[in-house]
C-alpha atoms as a PDB file:
ATOM      1  CA  MET A   1      16.723  50.010 -18.779  1.00  0.00           C
ATOM      2  CA  ILE A   2      16.411  46.961 -16.502  1.00  0.00           C
ATOM      3  CA  THR A   3      18.511  43.874 -17.083  1.00  0.00           C
ATOM      4  CA  LEU A   4      17.586  40.472 -15.691  1.00  0.00           C
ATOM      5  CA  TRP A   5      19.228  37.090 -15.700  1.00  0.00           C
ATOM      6  CA  LEU A   6      16.887  34.156 -15.646  1.00  0.00           C
ATOM      7  CA  CYS A   7      18.456  30.844 -14.948  1.00  0.00           C
ATOM      8  CA  LEU A   8      15.872  28.139 -15.478  1.00  0.00           C
ATOM      9  CA  LEU A   9      16.856  25.006 -13.770  1.00  0.00           C
ATOM     10  CA  SER A  10      14.689  22.010 -13.886  1.00  0.00           C
ATOM     11  CA  GLY A  11      15.458  19.233 -11.472  1.00  0.00           C
ATOM     12  CA  ALA A  12      13.987  15.798 -11.680  1.00  0.00           C
ATOM     13  CA  VAL A  13      14.315  12.237 -10.526  1.00  0.00           C
ATOM     14  CA  PHE A  14      15.673   9.451 -12.704  1.00  0.00           C
ATOM     15  CA  ALA A  15      12.225   8.721 -14.143  1.00  0.00           C
ATOM     16  CA  HIS A  16      11.807  12.354 -15.105  1.00  0.00           C
ATOM     17  CA  PRO A  17      14.583  14.010 -17.150  1.00  0.00           C
ATOM     18  CA  VAL A  18      16.394  17.135 -15.982  1.00  0.00           C
ATOM     19  CA  SER A  19      15.867  20.176 -18.198  1.00  0.00           C
ATOM     20  CA  LEU A  20      18.107  23.206 -17.804  1.00  0.00           C
ATOM     21  CA  SER A  21      17.783  26.511 -19.641  1.00  0.00           C
ATOM     22  CA  TRP A  22      18.774  30.143 -19.275  1.00  0.00           C
ATOM     23  CA  ALA A  23      17.108  33.390 -20.356  1.00  0.00           C
ATOM     24  CA  SER A  24      18.839  36.755 -20.369  1.00  0.00           C
ATOM     25  CA  VAL A  25      16.187  39.507 -20.307  1.00  0.00           C
ATOM     26  CA  VAL A  26      16.473  43.218 -21.064  1.00  0.00           C
ATOM     27  CA  VAL A  27      13.428  45.495 -20.650  1.00  0.00           C
ATOM     28  CA  HIS A  28      13.422  48.307 -23.217  1.00  0.00           C
ATOM     29  CA  ASN A  29      10.921  51.136 -23.710  1.00  0.00           C
ATOM     30  CA  LYS A  30       8.574  49.229 -26.021  1.00  0.00           C
ATOM     31  CA  TYR A  31       9.599  45.588 -25.722  1.00  0.00           C
ATOM     32  CA  ILE A  32      11.385  42.983 -23.630  1.00  0.00           C
ATOM     33  CA  GLU A  33      14.375  41.362 -25.328  1.00  0.00           C
ATOM     34  CA  VAL A  34      15.019  37.738 -24.355  1.00  0.00           C
ATOM     35  CA  ASN A  35      17.963  35.534 -25.246  1.00  0.00           C
ATOM     36  CA  TYR A  36      16.727  32.091 -24.233  1.00  0.00           C
ATOM     37  CA  ARG A  37      19.229  29.231 -24.279  1.00  0.00           C
ATOM     38  CA  ILE A  38      18.716  25.487 -23.935  1.00  0.00           C
ATOM     39  CA  LEU A  39      20.923  22.424 -24.105  1.00  0.00           C
ATOM     40  CA  ALA A  40      20.331  19.993 -26.982  1.00  0.00           C
ATOM     41  CA  GLU A  41      19.203  17.283 -24.556  1.00  0.00           C
ATOM     42  CA  ASP A  42      15.900  19.184 -24.138  1.00  0.00           C
ATOM     43  CA  LEU A  43      14.997  18.170 -27.671  1.00  0.00           C
ATOM     44  CA  ILE A  44      14.846  14.491 -26.718  1.00  0.00           C
ATOM     45  CA  TYR A  45      13.156  15.186 -23.370  1.00  0.00           C
ATOM     46  CA  PHE A  46      10.261  17.065 -24.943  1.00  0.00           C
ATOM     47  CA  HIS A  47      10.012  15.648 -28.483  1.00  0.00           C
ATOM     48  CA  HIS A  48      11.242  12.014 -28.260  1.00  0.00           C
ATOM     49  CA  PRO A  49      13.020  11.696 -31.650  1.00  0.00           C
ATOM     50  CA  GLU A  50      14.124   8.260 -32.852  1.00  0.00           C
ATOM     51  CA  HIS A  51      17.688   7.055 -32.356  1.00  0.00           C
ATOM     52  CA  ASP A  52      19.743   4.358 -34.088  1.00  0.00           C
ATOM     53  CA  GLY A  53      19.240   1.752 -31.364  1.00  0.00           C
ATOM     54  CA  PHE A  54      22.438   2.800 -29.571  1.00  0.00           C
ATOM     55  CA  TYR A  55      21.090   6.212 -28.479  1.00  0.00           C
ATOM     56  CA  ASN A  56      22.854   8.162 -31.186  1.00  0.00           C
ATOM     57  CA  TYR A  57      20.663  10.956 -32.559  1.00  0.00           C
ATOM     58  CA  ASP A  58      20.835  12.316 -36.089  1.00  0.00           C
ATOM     59  CA  SER A  59      21.906  15.958 -35.968  1.00  0.00           C
ATOM     60  CA  LYS A  60      19.649  17.032 -38.863  1.00  0.00           C
ATOM     61  CA  ALA A  61      16.649  15.350 -37.222  1.00  0.00           C
ATOM     62  CA  LEU A  62      17.326  17.241 -34.005  1.00  0.00           C
ATOM     63  CA  LEU A  63      17.646  20.546 -35.833  1.00  0.00           C
ATOM     64  CA  SER A  64      14.321  19.918 -37.558  1.00  0.00           C
ATOM     65  CA  LEU A  65      12.686  19.938 -34.110  1.00  0.00           C
ATOM     66  CA  LEU A  66      13.767  23.504 -33.320  1.00  0.00           C
ATOM     67  CA  PRO A  67      10.630  25.268 -34.681  1.00  0.00           C
ATOM     68  CA  GLU A  68       8.447  22.948 -32.586  1.00  0.00           C
ATOM     69  CA  HIS A  69      10.545  23.590 -29.496  1.00  0.00           C
ATOM     70  CA  ALA A  70      10.507  27.325 -30.159  1.00  0.00           C
ATOM     71  CA  ALA A  71       6.704  27.183 -30.066  1.00  0.00           C
ATOM     72  CA  LEU A  72       6.877  25.300 -26.756  1.00  0.00           C
ATOM     73  CA  ILE A  73       9.068  28.017 -25.240  1.00  0.00           C
ATOM     74  CA  ASN A  74       6.886  30.792 -26.642  1.00  0.00           C
ATOM     75  CA  ASN A  75       3.771  29.160 -25.181  1.00  0.00           C
ATOM     76  CA  HIS A  76       5.092  28.443 -21.704  1.00  0.00           C
ATOM     77  CA  PHE A  77       7.538  31.289 -20.999  1.00  0.00           C
ATOM     78  CA  TYR A  78       5.583  34.538 -20.943  1.00  0.00           C
ATOM     79  CA  VAL A  79       4.885  37.872 -19.223  1.00  0.00           C
ATOM     80  CA  LEU A  80       1.636  39.401 -17.926  1.00  0.00           C
ATOM     81  CA  ASP A  81       0.975  43.082 -17.259  1.00  0.00           C
ATOM     82  CA  ASP A  82      -0.866  44.583 -14.268  1.00  0.00           C
ATOM     83  CA  THR A  83      -4.261  43.923 -15.839  1.00  0.00           C
ATOM     84  CA  GLY A  84      -3.497  40.209 -16.251  1.00  0.00           C
ATOM     85  CA  ILE A  85      -3.150  40.504 -20.022  1.00  0.00           C
ATOM     86  CA  ARG A  86      -0.519  38.271 -21.580  1.00  0.00           C
ATOM     87  CA  LEU A  87       1.924  40.362 -23.594  1.00  0.00           C
ATOM     88  CA  PRO A  88       2.352  39.324 -27.246  1.00  0.00           C
ATOM     89  CA  SER A  89       5.658  37.719 -28.156  1.00  0.00           C
ATOM     90  CA  GLU A  90       7.505  36.288 -31.131  1.00  0.00           C
ATOM     91  CA  ILE A  91      10.702  34.359 -31.730  1.00  0.00           C
ATOM     92  CA  LEU A  92      12.887  36.273 -34.170  1.00  0.00           C
ATOM     93  CA  LYS A  93      15.880  33.969 -34.490  1.00  0.00           C
ATOM     94  CA  ILE A  94      16.981  30.433 -33.649  1.00  0.00           C
ATOM     95  CA  ASN A  95      20.712  29.885 -33.376  1.00  0.00           C
ATOM     96  CA  PRO A  96      22.107  26.349 -32.845  1.00  0.00           C
ATOM     97  CA  GLN A  97      25.718  26.670 -31.733  1.00  0.00           C
ATOM     98  CA  LEU A  98      28.550  24.344 -32.832  1.00  0.00           C
ATOM     99  CA  PHE A  99      26.224  21.527 -33.864  1.00  0.00           C
ATOM    100  CA  PRO A 100      28.025  18.604 -35.549  1.00  0.00           C
ATOM    101  CA  THR A 101      26.984  17.474 -39.017  1.00  0.00           C
ATOM    102  CA  ASP A 102      26.579  13.763 -38.181  1.00  0.00           C
ATOM    103  CA  SER A 103      25.033  11.919 -35.215  1.00  0.00           C
ATOM    104  CA  ILE A 104      25.300  12.880 -31.544  1.00  0.00           C
ATOM    105  CA  PRO A 105      25.568  10.271 -28.737  1.00  0.00           C
ATOM    106  CA  ILE A 106      23.022  10.844 -25.980  1.00  0.00           C
ATOM    107  CA  MET A 107      25.731  11.639 -23.408  1.00  0.00           C
ATOM    108  CA  ASP A 108      27.128  14.374 -25.682  1.00  0.00           C
ATOM    109  CA  LEU A 109      23.839  16.259 -26.116  1.00  0.00           C
ATOM    110  CA  MET A 110      24.598  18.469 -23.117  1.00  0.00           C
ATOM    111  CA  LYS A 111      27.673  19.797 -24.945  1.00  0.00           C
ATOM    112  CA  TYR A 112      25.570  21.642 -27.541  1.00  0.00           C
ATOM    113  CA  SER A 113      23.307  24.614 -26.972  1.00  0.00           C
ATOM    114  CA  ILE A 114      20.636  26.476 -28.913  1.00  0.00           C
ATOM    115  CA  SER A 115      19.629  30.092 -28.340  1.00  0.00           C
ATOM    116  CA  PHE A 116      16.289  31.696 -29.181  1.00  0.00           C
ATOM    117  CA  LYS A 117      15.961  35.452 -29.611  1.00  0.00           C
ATOM    118  CA  ILE A 118      12.513  36.506 -28.365  1.00  0.00           C
ATOM    119  CA  HIS A 119      10.744  39.870 -28.289  1.00  0.00           C
ATOM    120  CA  ILE A 120       7.855  40.414 -25.868  1.00  0.00           C
ATOM    121  CA  TYR A 121       5.979  43.623 -26.647  1.00  0.00           C
ATOM    122  CA  LEU A 122       4.950  45.994 -23.833  1.00  0.00           C
ATOM    123  CA  SER A 123       1.389  47.323 -23.818  1.00  0.00           C
ATOM    124  CA  ASP A 124       2.432  50.412 -21.842  1.00  0.00           C
ATOM    125  CA  PRO A 125       5.957  51.893 -21.787  1.00  0.00           C
ATOM    126  CA  ASP A 126       5.139  53.340 -18.347  1.00  0.00           C
ATOM    127  CA  TRP A 127       4.423  49.946 -16.781  1.00  0.00           C
ATOM    128  CA  ASP A 128       4.432  49.538 -13.026  1.00  0.00           C
ATOM    129  CA  ASN A 129       4.728  45.763 -12.733  1.00  0.00           C
ATOM    130  CA  LEU A 130       5.545  42.822 -14.999  1.00  0.00           C
ATOM    131  CA  TYR A 131       4.846  39.193 -14.067  1.00  0.00           C
ATOM    132  CA  PHE A 132       7.262  36.591 -15.448  1.00  0.00           C
ATOM    133  CA  TYR A 133       5.865  33.072 -15.786  1.00  0.00           C
ATOM    134  CA  GLN A 134       7.646  29.817 -16.543  1.00  0.00           C
ATOM    135  CA  GLU A 135       5.064  27.059 -16.939  1.00  0.00           C
ATOM    136  CA  ILE A 136       7.123  24.513 -18.875  1.00  0.00           C
ATOM    137  CA  SER A 137       6.431  21.930 -16.176  1.00  0.00           C
ATOM    138  CA  THR A 138       2.721  22.105 -17.041  1.00  0.00           C
ATOM    139  CA  SER A 139       3.373  21.358 -20.706  1.00  0.00           C
ATOM    140  CA  GLU A 140       2.224  18.093 -22.272  1.00  0.00           C
ATOM    141  CA  ASP A 141       5.331  16.208 -21.136  1.00  0.00           C
ATOM    142  CA  GLY A 142       5.005  17.425 -17.562  1.00  0.00           C
ATOM    143  CA  ILE A 143       8.767  17.742 -16.951  1.00  0.00           C
ATOM    144  CA  PRO A 144       9.263  19.421 -13.522  1.00  0.00           C
ATOM    145  CA  ALA A 145      11.004  22.804 -13.610  1.00  0.00           C
ATOM    146  CA  VAL A 146      12.569  25.201 -11.114  1.00  0.00           C
ATOM    147  CA  THR A 147      13.554  28.692 -12.212  1.00  0.00           C
ATOM    148  CA  LEU A 148      16.348  30.714 -10.625  1.00  0.00           C
ATOM    149  CA  LEU A 149      15.701  34.339 -11.511  1.00  0.00           C
ATOM    150  CA  THR A 150      18.801  36.484 -11.108  1.00  0.00           C
ATOM    151  CA  ILE A 151      18.115  40.214 -11.288  1.00  0.00           C
ATOM    152  CA  ALA A 152      21.018  42.556 -11.915  1.00  0.00           C
ATOM    153  CA  ASP A 153      21.054  46.335 -11.614  1.00  0.00           C
ATOM    154  CA  ALA A 154      24.488  47.951 -11.943  1.00  0.00           C
ATOM    155  CA  GLU A 155      26.615  46.331  -9.204  1.00  0.00           C
ATOM    156  CA  GLU A 156      23.793  44.644  -7.294  1.00  0.00           C
ATOM    157  CA  GLN A 157      22.212  41.243  -7.854  1.00  0.00           C
ATOM    158  CA  LYS A 158      19.406  39.182  -6.399  1.00  0.00           C
ATOM    159  CA  THR A 159      18.332  35.621  -7.111  1.00  0.00           C
ATOM    160  CA  ILE A 160      14.766  34.367  -6.712  1.00  0.00           C
ATOM    161  CA  GLU A 161      13.420  30.868  -7.278  1.00  0.00           C
ATOM    162  CA  ILE A 162      10.168  30.553  -9.217  1.00  0.00           C
ATOM    163  CA  SER A 163       8.283  27.545 -10.538  1.00  0.00           C
ATOM    164  CA  SER A 164       4.938  26.572 -12.013  1.00  0.00           C
ATOM    165  CA  GLY A 165       2.224  28.604 -10.313  1.00  0.00           C
ATOM    166  CA  PHE A 166       4.745  30.915  -8.641  1.00  0.00           C
ATOM    167  CA  PRO A 167       5.573  33.824 -11.014  1.00  0.00           C
ATOM    168  CA  PHE A 168       8.027  36.625 -10.316  1.00  0.00           C
ATOM    169  CA  LYS A 169       6.719  40.181  -9.994  1.00  0.00           C
ATOM    170  CA  LEU A 170       9.107  42.805 -11.373  1.00  0.00           C
ATOM    171  CA  SER A 171       8.339  46.371 -10.260  1.00  0.00           C
ATOM    172  CA  ALA A 172       9.643  49.341 -12.224  1.00  0.00           C
ATOM    173  CA  SER A 173      10.661  50.967  -8.939  1.00  0.00           C
ATOM    174  CA  MET A 174      12.367  47.867  -7.576  1.00  0.00           C
ATOM    175  CA  ASN A 175      15.494  48.471  -5.555  1.00  0.00           C
ATOM    176  CA  ILE A 176      17.818  45.506  -5.734  1.00  0.00           C
ATOM    177  CA  PRO A 177      19.698  44.935  -2.473  1.00  0.00           C
ATOM    178  CA  PRO A 178      23.217  43.512  -2.380  1.00  0.00           C
ATOM    179  CA  MET A 179      23.153  39.731  -2.255  1.00  0.00           C
ATOM    180  CA  ASN A 180      25.549  37.252  -0.745  1.00  0.00           C
ATOM    181  CA  PRO A 181      27.210  35.102  -3.461  1.00  0.00           C
ATOM    182  CA  SER A 182      25.688  32.075  -1.743  1.00  0.00           C
ATOM    183  CA  TRP A 183      22.260  33.261  -2.898  1.00  0.00           C
ATOM    184  CA  LEU A 184      23.517  33.431  -6.485  1.00  0.00           C
ATOM    185  CA  THR A 185      24.736  29.822  -6.405  1.00  0.00           C
ATOM    186  CA  SER A 186      22.452  26.943  -7.356  1.00  0.00           C
ATOM    187  CA  SER A 187      23.322  23.304  -6.754  1.00  0.00           C
ATOM    188  CA  PHE A 188      21.407  20.253  -8.020  1.00  0.00           C
ATOM    189  CA  TYR A 189      22.387  16.642  -7.352  1.00  0.00           C
ATOM    190  CA  THR A 190      20.588  13.862  -9.253  1.00  0.00           C
ATOM    191  CA  ILE A 191      21.254  10.381  -7.831  1.00  0.00           C
ATOM    192  CA  GLN A 192      20.806   7.498 -10.268  1.00  0.00           C
ATOM    193  CA  PRO A 193      21.719   3.829  -9.763  1.00  0.00           C
ATOM    194  CA  SER A 194      24.721   4.218 -12.095  1.00  0.00           C
ATOM    195  CA  GLY A 195      26.075   7.485 -10.704  1.00  0.00           C
ATOM    196  CA  THR A 196      25.373  11.000  -9.442  1.00  0.00           C
ATOM    197  CA  ARG A 197      25.116  14.160 -11.520  1.00  0.00           C
ATOM    198  CA  HIS A 198      25.954  17.558  -9.983  1.00  0.00           C
ATOM    199  CA  GLU A 199      24.842  20.689 -11.826  1.00  0.00           C
ATOM    200  CA  LEU A 200      26.352  23.799 -10.275  1.00  0.00           C
ATOM    201  CA  THR A 201      25.840  27.425 -11.296  1.00  0.00           C
ATOM    202  CA  ILE A 202      28.221  29.706  -9.421  1.00  0.00           C
ATOM    203  CA  PRO A 203      29.598  33.296  -9.694  1.00  0.00           C
ATOM    204  CA  SER A 204      32.980  33.277 -11.393  1.00  0.00           C
ATOM    205  CA  SER A 205      34.611  35.265  -8.565  1.00  0.00           C
ATOM    206  CA  VAL A 206      33.673  32.499  -6.099  1.00  0.00           C
ATOM    207  CA  LEU A 207      34.790  29.709  -8.435  1.00  0.00           C
ATOM    208  CA  LEU A 208      38.145  31.365  -9.130  1.00  0.00           C
ATOM    209  CA  ASP A 209      38.743  31.719  -5.414  1.00  0.00           C
ATOM    210  CA  LEU A 210      37.868  28.063  -4.786  1.00  0.00           C
ATOM    211  CA  ILE A 211      40.178  26.774  -7.528  1.00  0.00           C
ATOM    212  CA  GLN A 212      42.857  29.272  -6.413  1.00  0.00           C
ATOM    213  CA  GLN A 213      43.153  31.210  -9.642  1.00  0.00           C
ATOM    214  CA  THR A 214      43.117  35.001  -9.986  1.00  0.00           C
ATOM    215  CA  THR A 215      42.463  35.312 -13.715  1.00  0.00           C
ATOM    216  CA  LEU A 216      41.590  32.578 -16.137  1.00  0.00           C
ATOM    217  CA  MET A 217      40.690  32.457 -19.792  1.00  0.00           C
ATOM    218  CA  PRO A 218      37.629  30.319 -20.621  1.00  0.00           C
ATOM    219  CA  GLU A 219      39.626  27.741 -22.606  1.00  0.00           C
ATOM    220  CA  GLU A 220      41.736  27.038 -19.485  1.00  0.00           C
ATOM    221  CA  LEU A 221      38.796  26.663 -17.132  1.00  0.00           C
ATOM    222  CA  SER A 222      37.877  22.985 -17.646  1.00  0.00           C
ATOM    223  CA  SER A 223      41.193  21.451 -16.589  1.00  0.00           C
ATOM    224  CA  HIS A 224      41.441  23.600 -13.448  1.00  0.00           C
ATOM    225  CA  VAL A 225      37.842  22.865 -12.460  1.00  0.00           C
ATOM    226  CA  LEU A 226      38.215  19.119 -12.952  1.00  0.00           C
ATOM    227  CA  HIS A 227      41.473  19.048 -10.990  1.00  0.00           C
ATOM    228  CA  TYR A 228      39.789  20.928  -8.149  1.00  0.00           C
ATOM    229  CA  PHE A 229      36.706  18.703  -7.903  1.00  0.00           C
ATOM    230  CA  GLN A 230      38.750  15.515  -8.120  1.00  0.00           C
ATOM    231  CA  GLY A 231      40.471  16.539  -4.880  1.00  0.00           C
ATOM    232  CA  ASN A 232      37.876  18.613  -3.028  1.00  0.00           C
ATOM    233  CA  ASN A 233      34.241  18.422  -1.882  1.00  0.00           C
ATOM    234  CA  GLN A 234      34.307  14.676  -2.319  1.00  0.00           C
ATOM    235  CA  LEU A 235      31.280  12.509  -3.052  1.00  0.00           C
ATOM    236  CA  SER A 236      31.167   8.839  -2.128  1.00  0.00           C
ATOM    237  CA  GLY A 237      28.837   6.052  -3.166  1.00  0.00           C
ATOM    238  CA  ASN A 238      28.424   2.849  -1.159  1.00  0.00           C
ATOM    239  CA  SER A 239      31.326   4.058   1.077  1.00  0.00           C
ATOM    240  CA  THR A 240      33.681   4.402  -1.939  1.00  0.00           C
ATOM    241  CA  ILE A 241      34.964   7.790  -3.102  1.00  0.00           C
ATOM    242  CA  LEU A 242      33.697   8.470  -6.635  1.00  0.00           C
ATOM    243  CA  ILE A 243      35.963  10.345  -9.071  1.00  0.00           C
ATOM    244  CA  PRO A 244      34.090  12.949 -11.149  1.00  0.00           C
ATOM    245  CA  THR A 245      34.231  13.674 -14.843  1.00  0.00           C
ATOM    246  CA  LEU A 246      33.374  17.122 -16.198  1.00  0.00           C
ATOM    247  CA  SER A 247      30.637  16.864 -18.830  1.00  0.00           C
ATOM    248  CA  ASN A 248      30.139  20.530 -19.606  1.00  0.00           C
ATOM    249  CA  VAL A 249      31.176  24.093 -18.752  1.00  0.00           C
ATOM    250  CA  LEU A 250      29.127  27.094 -19.849  1.00  0.00           C
ATOM    251  CA  ILE A 251      30.066  30.727 -19.250  1.00  0.00           C
ATOM    252  CA  PHE A 252      27.357  33.382 -19.199  1.00  0.00           C
ATOM    253  CA  GLU A 253      27.518  37.176 -19.436  1.00  0.00           C
ATOM    254  CA  ASN A 254      31.198  37.816 -20.201  1.00  0.00           C
ATOM    255  CA  ALA A 255      32.770  35.380 -22.670  1.00  0.00           C
ATOM    256  CA  GLU A 256      36.158  37.126 -22.932  1.00  0.00           C
ATOM    257  CA  ASN A 257      37.250  36.844 -19.297  1.00  0.00           C
ATOM    258  CA  LEU A 258      35.731  35.577 -16.108  1.00  0.00           C
ATOM    259  CA  GLY A 259      35.534  38.876 -14.220  1.00  0.00           C
ATOM    260  CA  GLU A 260      31.725  39.139 -13.955  1.00  0.00           C
ATOM    261  CA  SER A 261      30.314  35.869 -15.223  1.00  0.00           C
ATOM    262  CA  MET A 262      28.076  33.070 -14.018  1.00  0.00           C
ATOM    263  CA  ILE A 263      29.595  29.630 -14.601  1.00  0.00           C
ATOM    264  CA  TYR A 264      27.574  26.447 -15.130  1.00  0.00           C
ATOM    265  CA  LEU A 265      29.348  23.167 -14.355  1.00  0.00           C
ATOM    266  CA  ASP A 266      27.978  19.703 -15.109  1.00  0.00           C
ATOM    267  CA  LEU A 267      29.865  17.049 -13.135  1.00  0.00           C
ATOM    268  CA  TYR A 268      29.195  13.312 -13.179  1.00  0.00           C
ATOM    269  CA  TYR A 269      30.330  10.801 -10.542  1.00  0.00           C
ATOM    270  CA  PRO A 270      30.077   7.283 -12.060  1.00  0.00           C
ATOM    271  CA  SER A 271      29.703   4.233  -9.835  1.00  0.00           C
ATOM    272  CA  ASN A 272      30.794   0.643 -10.533  1.00  0.00           C
ATOM    273  CA  SER A 273      27.902  -0.728  -8.465  1.00  0.00           C
ATOM    274  CA  PRO A 274      24.265   0.377  -8.104  1.00  0.00           C
ATOM    275  CA  LEU A 275      24.127   3.240  -5.621  1.00  0.00           C
ATOM    276  CA  GLU A 276      22.384   2.395  -2.354  1.00  0.00           C
ATOM    277  CA  GLN A 277      24.003   5.184  -0.319  1.00  0.00           C
ATOM    278  CA  VAL A 278      25.542   8.513  -1.369  1.00  0.00           C
ATOM    279  CA  THR A 279      27.460  10.877   0.925  1.00  0.00           C
ATOM    280  CA  ILE A 280      28.052  14.411  -0.327  1.00  0.00           C
ATOM    281  CA  ASN A 281      30.706  16.617   1.282  1.00  0.00           C
ATOM    282  CA  TRP A 282      31.171  20.333   0.676  1.00  0.00           C
ATOM    283  CA  GLU A 283      33.898  21.645   2.965  1.00  0.00           C
ATOM    284  CA  ASP A 284      35.301  24.582   0.963  1.00  0.00           C
ATOM    285  CA  TYR A 285      34.031  28.078   1.870  1.00  0.00           C
ATOM    286  CA  ASN A 286      35.390  31.623   2.101  1.00  0.00           C
ATOM    287  CA  TRP A 287      34.361  34.938   3.637  1.00  0.00           C
ATOM    288  CA  LYS A 288      31.919  35.599   0.763  1.00  0.00           C
ATOM    289  CA  PHE A 289      30.738  32.061   0.106  1.00  0.00           C
ATOM    290  CA  ARG A 290      29.665  30.828   3.552  1.00  0.00           C
ATOM    291  CA  TRP A 291      26.923  28.329   2.680  1.00  0.00           C
ATOM    292  CA  MET A 292      25.294  26.606  -0.300  1.00  0.00           C
ATOM    293  CA  ASN A 293      21.682  25.547  -0.749  1.00  0.00           C
ATOM    294  CA  ALA A 294      21.344  22.252  -2.613  1.00  0.00           C
ATOM    295  CA  LYS A 295      18.501  20.156  -3.961  1.00  0.00           C
ATOM    296  CA  ILE A 296      19.082  16.427  -4.045  1.00  0.00           C
ATOM    297  CA  TYR A 297      16.932  14.189  -6.250  1.00  0.00           C
ATOM    298  CA  GLY A 298      17.259  10.623  -5.024  1.00  0.00           C
ATOM    299  CA  TRP A 299      15.404   8.302  -7.414  1.00  0.00           C
ATOM    300  CA  ASP A 300      11.771   9.264  -6.802  1.00  0.00           C
ATOM    301  CA  LYS A 301      12.132  11.771  -3.966  1.00  0.00           C
ATOM    302  CA  GLU A 302      13.388  15.343  -3.533  1.00  0.00           C
ATOM    303  CA  TYR A 303      15.500  16.519  -0.605  1.00  0.00           C
ATOM    304  CA  THR A 304      17.130  19.825   0.390  1.00  0.00           C
ATOM    305  CA  HIS A 305      20.230  20.595   2.405  1.00  0.00           C
ATOM    306  CA  THR A 306      22.159  23.757   3.259  1.00  0.00           C
ATOM    307  CA  PHE A 307      25.869  22.986   3.250  1.00  0.00           C
ATOM    308  CA  SER A 308      28.025  25.064   5.601  1.00  0.00           C
ATOM    309  CA  ARG A 309      30.968  24.672   7.980  1.00  0.00           C
ATOM    310  CA  PHE A 310      28.445  23.568  10.584  1.00  0.00           C
ATOM    311  CA  GLN A 311      26.803  20.910   8.386  1.00  0.00           C
ATOM    312  CA  PRO A 312      29.224  20.076   5.545  1.00  0.00           C
ATOM    313  CA  THR A 313      27.912  16.560   4.897  1.00  0.00           C
ATOM    314  CA  TYR A 314      24.655  15.108   3.566  1.00  0.00           C
ATOM    315  CA  THR A 315      23.947  11.376   3.304  1.00  0.00           C
ATOM    316  CA  TRP A 316      21.239   9.873   1.101  1.00  0.00           C
ATOM    317  CA  GLN A 317      20.095   6.324   1.680  1.00  0.00           C
ATOM    318  CA  ALA A 318      17.870   4.318  -0.649  1.00  0.00           C
ATOM    319  CA  ASP A 319      14.849   2.998   1.191  1.00  0.00           C
ATOM    320  CA  SER A 320      13.731  -0.641   1.067  1.00  0.00           C
ATOM    321  CA  LEU A 321      11.137  -0.024  -1.656  1.00  0.00           C
ATOM    322  CA  MET A 322      13.770   1.640  -3.849  1.00  0.00           C
ATOM    323  CA  LEU A 323      16.146  -1.291  -3.376  1.00  0.00           C
ATOM    324  CA  LYS A 324      13.457  -3.844  -4.104  1.00  0.00           C
ATOM    325  CA  LYS A 325      12.614  -2.049  -7.356  1.00  0.00           C
ATOM    326  CA  LEU A 326      16.317  -1.833  -8.283  1.00  0.00           C
ATOM    327  CA  TRP A 327      16.987  -5.544  -7.839  1.00  0.00           C
ATOM    328  CA  THR A 328      13.725  -6.800  -9.395  1.00  0.00           C
ATOM    329  CA  ASP A 329      13.624  -4.551 -12.514  1.00  0.00           C
END
């Protein structure tokens, strides 16, 4: 049996929303079992429900969109066999988790998740190769998407980035080499005039080392993480240090303890003035975690930077056209 972790991360500029989803995949003899999870904010990105004028969304109205969104996932997340035939699939269960009964403010949507149980049926139990596609960015709404595909086999892991037009080929005979924890970490910064959002997915062993904890129960994680980021790896806007808030923490794989989990953190750095310059510092490393690849979305452009001890700082500067648009809109 082969177990995969698919972390679908969609990064976008301010004009295009950021969609983030995960899919845990297990290949059985006759079918592929998928547990596909999204955040509730995807429902407004893709389906544009009405709000009350103050961007509060009715919970029942959002839940009514789940069958439509399930069809979107089923259409744009799929697997081909060696002959190029798309394998049949169906969604067996939709499970919204901890949804409130009344309205949800737009900034709280990221706190709620929905999982979809999917079966994809193999045409041949003795398959040689399977091709995983994620074409959500080519859907009607055209929301850009990047997929981090984390493959796990016993103690070894490997992470691969895929996107529209770039599928991942899984071979039955694939040997998964050991991977540096830096490869398993994904970092996305989205710079908006009002603040900067940092979405970080990181192995729990690395996070625990950074926040100087040896063991930690999930309910204790948020306060330790927030305390750490408020004093380390600082981010400044317009030459002023911005203090982060922690919007969300999600734990994947092992929910009882953090021994072998991937942790998703959603941090937000608000600014009192429109951001014209942002400086990002990441100065904390260890013998396992020696560098970190990051994607930075600054208004209408995408940038990349590899943070390390040799280049711990990245500075983004709004160009003249950006500033003109900011002050005239």
